[in-house]
Amino acid sequence: MTILILLTVITTLMAFLSLTNLPDDEAQQTALLPFADDPEAARQLTRETGLVCQHVVQPADEPEPPYRLEA
């Protein structure tokens, strides 16, 4: 049980240190990541707030299923 508590404290400390040393621009872009996989949502976010999501990702086309069920 002591090891679990120690690992929890170490993990929390490391997370705190990594987040406090994050530059403001990177922190802002991290907050915008939920919009990165939807180009339309990223454009709407830019229109409404003026914040630009720099890492917009175009989703890949889904492949056709390897089989087709016919009734």
N, C-alpha and C. Protein backbone atom coordinates (compact mmCIF):
# COMPACT_ATOMS: atom_id res chain seq x y z
N MET A 1 0.82 -1.19 0.00
CA MET A 1 0.00 0.00 0.00
C MET A 1 0.87 1.26 0.00
N THR A 2 2.00 1.19 0.67
CA THR A 2 2.91 2.33 0.73
C THR A 2 3.47 2.65 -0.66
N ILE A 3 3.74 1.61 -1.42
CA ILE A 3 4.27 1.82 -2.77
C ILE A 3 3.23 2.52 -3.65
N LEU A 4 1.97 2.14 -3.51
CA LEU A 4 0.90 2.77 -4.29
C LEU A 4 0.77 4.25 -3.95
N ILE A 5 0.84 4.57 -2.68
CA ILE A 5 0.77 5.97 -2.26
C ILE A 5 1.97 6.74 -2.79
N LEU A 6 3.15 6.16 -2.70
CA LEU A 6 4.36 6.81 -3.20
C LEU A 6 4.28 7.06 -4.70
N LEU A 7 3.83 6.07 -5.45
CA LEU A 7 3.71 6.23 -6.91
C LEU A 7 2.66 7.30 -7.26
N THR A 8 1.58 7.36 -6.50
CA THR A 8 0.56 8.38 -6.73
C THR A 8 1.12 9.77 -6.49
N VAL A 9 1.87 9.93 -5.42
CA VAL A 9 2.47 11.24 -5.11
C VAL A 9 3.47 11.63 -6.20
N ILE A 10 4.29 10.70 -6.63
CA ILE A 10 5.28 11.00 -7.67
C ILE A 10 4.60 11.36 -8.98
N THR A 11 3.58 10.61 -9.36
CA THR A 11 2.84 10.89 -10.60
C THR A 11 2.18 12.26 -10.55
N THR A 12 1.56 12.58 -9.43
CA THR A 12 0.90 13.88 -9.28
C THR A 12 1.93 15.01 -9.34
N LEU A 13 3.06 14.83 -8.71
CA LEU A 13 4.11 15.84 -8.73
C LEU A 13 4.65 16.04 -10.15
N MET A 14 4.88 14.97 -10.87
CA MET A 14 5.39 15.08 -12.24
C MET A 14 4.37 15.75 -13.15
N ALA A 15 3.09 15.42 -12.99
CA ALA A 15 2.05 16.06 -13.80
C ALA A 15 1.99 17.55 -13.50
N PHE A 16 2.08 17.91 -12.23
CA PHE A 16 2.06 19.32 -11.84
C PHE A 16 3.26 20.06 -12.44
N LEU A 17 4.43 19.47 -12.35
CA LEU A 17 5.63 20.13 -12.88
C LEU A 17 5.58 20.28 -14.40
N SER A 18 5.07 19.27 -15.09
CA SER A 18 5.01 19.36 -16.55
C SER A 18 3.97 20.38 -17.00
N LEU A 19 2.88 20.52 -16.26
CA LEU A 19 1.85 21.48 -16.65
C LEU A 19 2.23 22.92 -16.29
N THR A 20 2.99 23.11 -15.23
CA THR A 20 3.38 24.47 -14.86
C THR A 20 4.48 24.99 -15.77
N ASN A 21 5.25 24.13 -16.41
CA ASN A 21 6.31 24.56 -17.30
C ASN A 21 5.85 24.65 -18.76
N LEU A 22 4.57 24.44 -19.01
CA LEU A 22 4.03 24.49 -20.36
C LEU A 22 3.85 25.95 -20.78
N PRO A 23 4.41 26.36 -21.93
CA PRO A 23 4.22 27.73 -22.41
C PRO A 23 2.74 28.00 -22.68
N ASP A 24 2.36 29.28 -22.63
CA ASP A 24 0.95 29.65 -22.80
C ASP A 24 0.41 29.21 -24.16
N ASP A 25 1.21 29.36 -25.22
CA ASP A 25 0.74 28.98 -26.55
C ASP A 25 0.46 27.48 -26.63
N GLU A 26 1.34 26.67 -26.06
CA GLU A 26 1.13 25.23 -26.08
C GLU A 26 -0.07 24.84 -25.23
N ALA A 27 -0.27 25.52 -24.13
CA ALA A 27 -1.43 25.23 -23.28
C ALA A 27 -2.72 25.57 -24.02
N GLN A 28 -2.73 26.67 -24.76
CA GLN A 28 -3.90 27.05 -25.53
C GLN A 28 -4.18 26.03 -26.64
N GLN A 29 -3.13 25.61 -27.36
CA GLN A 29 -3.32 24.62 -28.42
C GLN A 29 -3.78 23.28 -27.85
N THR A 30 -3.31 22.92 -26.67
CA THR A 30 -3.75 21.69 -26.03
C THR A 30 -5.24 21.77 -25.71
N ALA A 31 -5.71 22.93 -25.30
CA ALA A 31 -7.13 23.11 -25.01
C ALA A 31 -7.98 23.02 -26.27
N LEU A 32 -7.38 23.30 -27.43
CA LEU A 32 -8.13 23.27 -28.70
C LEU A 32 -8.10 21.91 -29.37
N LEU A 33 -7.38 20.93 -28.83
CA LEU A 33 -7.26 19.62 -29.46
C LEU A 33 -8.60 18.91 -29.70
N PRO A 34 -9.63 19.08 -28.86
CA PRO A 34 -10.89 18.41 -29.19
C PRO A 34 -11.49 18.84 -30.53
N PHE A 35 -11.08 19.99 -31.04
CA PHE A 35 -11.59 20.48 -32.32
C PHE A 35 -10.70 20.11 -33.49
N ALA A 36 -9.56 19.47 -33.23
CA ALA A 36 -8.57 19.23 -34.28
C ALA A 36 -9.01 18.19 -35.29
N ASP A 37 -9.90 17.27 -34.94
CA ASP A 37 -10.29 16.24 -35.88
C ASP A 37 -11.55 16.59 -36.66
N ASP A 38 -12.09 17.78 -36.44
CA ASP A 38 -13.29 18.21 -37.16
C ASP A 38 -13.01 19.60 -37.76
N PRO A 39 -12.66 19.64 -39.06
CA PRO A 39 -12.31 20.92 -39.67
C PRO A 39 -13.42 21.97 -39.59
N GLU A 40 -14.68 21.55 -39.71
CA GLU A 40 -15.78 22.50 -39.63
C GLU A 40 -15.88 23.09 -38.23
N ALA A 41 -15.72 22.26 -37.20
CA ALA A 41 -15.76 22.76 -35.83
C ALA A 41 -14.59 23.70 -35.57
N ALA A 42 -13.42 23.40 -36.14
CA ALA A 42 -12.26 24.28 -35.98
C ALA A 42 -12.51 25.63 -36.64
N ARG A 43 -13.14 25.63 -37.83
CA ARG A 43 -13.46 26.90 -38.50
C ARG A 43 -14.47 27.70 -37.69
N GLN A 44 -15.48 27.02 -37.15
CA GLN A 44 -16.50 27.70 -36.34
C GLN A 44 -15.87 28.28 -35.07
N LEU A 45 -14.98 27.53 -34.46
CA LEU A 45 -14.27 28.02 -33.27
C LEU A 45 -13.47 29.28 -33.59
N THR A 46 -12.81 29.28 -34.75
CA THR A 46 -12.03 30.44 -35.16
C THR A 46 -12.93 31.65 -35.41
N ARG A 47 -14.09 31.41 -36.06
CA ARG A 47 -15.03 32.50 -36.32
C ARG A 47 -15.56 33.09 -35.02
N GLU A 48 -15.91 32.24 -34.06
CA GLU A 48 -16.57 32.72 -32.85
C GLU A 48 -15.61 33.28 -31.81
N THR A 49 -14.41 32.73 -31.71
CA THR A 49 -13.50 33.15 -30.63
C THR A 49 -12.24 33.84 -31.14
N GLY A 50 -11.88 33.62 -32.39
CA GLY A 50 -10.65 34.18 -32.91
C GLY A 50 -9.43 33.32 -32.62
N LEU A 51 -9.61 32.22 -31.89
CA LEU A 51 -8.51 31.30 -31.61
C LEU A 51 -8.33 30.37 -32.80
N VAL A 52 -7.08 30.11 -33.16
CA VAL A 52 -6.79 29.27 -34.33
C VAL A 52 -6.24 27.93 -33.87
N CYS A 53 -6.90 26.87 -34.28
CA CYS A 53 -6.43 25.52 -33.99
C CYS A 53 -5.39 25.15 -35.04
N GLN A 54 -4.13 25.08 -34.63
CA GLN A 54 -3.04 24.90 -35.59
C GLN A 54 -2.89 23.46 -36.06
N HIS A 55 -3.44 22.52 -35.36
CA HIS A 55 -3.21 21.11 -35.67
C HIS A 55 -4.48 20.44 -36.21
N VAL A 56 -5.16 21.09 -37.16
CA VAL A 56 -6.38 20.51 -37.73
C VAL A 56 -5.99 19.30 -38.57
N VAL A 57 -6.66 18.20 -38.34
CA VAL A 57 -6.36 16.94 -39.01
C VAL A 57 -7.53 16.58 -39.92
N GLN A 58 -7.23 16.23 -41.15
CA GLN A 58 -8.27 15.74 -42.06
C GLN A 58 -8.51 14.27 -41.76
N PRO A 59 -9.73 13.90 -41.37
CA PRO A 59 -9.97 12.49 -41.08
C PRO A 59 -9.82 11.63 -42.33
N ALA A 60 -9.31 10.44 -42.16
CA ALA A 60 -9.13 9.51 -43.29
C ALA A 60 -10.49 8.97 -43.72
N ASP A 61 -10.60 8.70 -45.01
CA ASP A 61 -11.83 8.10 -45.52
C ASP A 61 -11.95 6.68 -44.99
N GLU A 62 -13.17 6.32 -44.64
CA GLU A 62 -13.38 4.96 -44.14
C GLU A 62 -13.42 4.00 -45.32
N PRO A 63 -12.71 2.88 -45.22
CA PRO A 63 -12.70 1.92 -46.33
C PRO A 63 -14.04 1.20 -46.44
N GLU A 64 -14.29 0.69 -47.62
CA GLU A 64 -15.50 -0.10 -47.84
C GLU A 64 -15.41 -1.38 -47.00
N PRO A 65 -16.53 -1.86 -46.49
CA PRO A 65 -16.46 -3.10 -45.74
C PRO A 65 -16.05 -4.27 -46.65
N PRO A 66 -15.34 -5.25 -46.12
CA PRO A 66 -14.85 -6.35 -46.96
C PRO A 66 -15.98 -7.27 -47.42
N TYR A 67 -17.14 -7.07 -46.92
CA TYR A 67 -18.28 -7.92 -47.31
C TYR A 67 -19.52 -7.03 -47.43
N ARG A 68 -20.50 -7.52 -48.14
CA ARG A 68 -21.74 -6.79 -48.30
C ARG A 68 -22.89 -7.76 -48.13
N LEU A 69 -23.75 -7.47 -47.15
CA LEU A 69 -24.89 -8.33 -46.93
C LEU A 69 -26.05 -7.91 -47.82
N GLU A 70 -26.63 -8.88 -48.49
CA GLU A 70 -27.79 -8.57 -49.35
C GLU A 70 -28.96 -9.41 -48.86
N ALA A 71 -30.12 -8.79 -48.85
CA ALA A 71 -31.32 -9.49 -48.38
C ALA A 71 -31.95 -10.29 -49.49
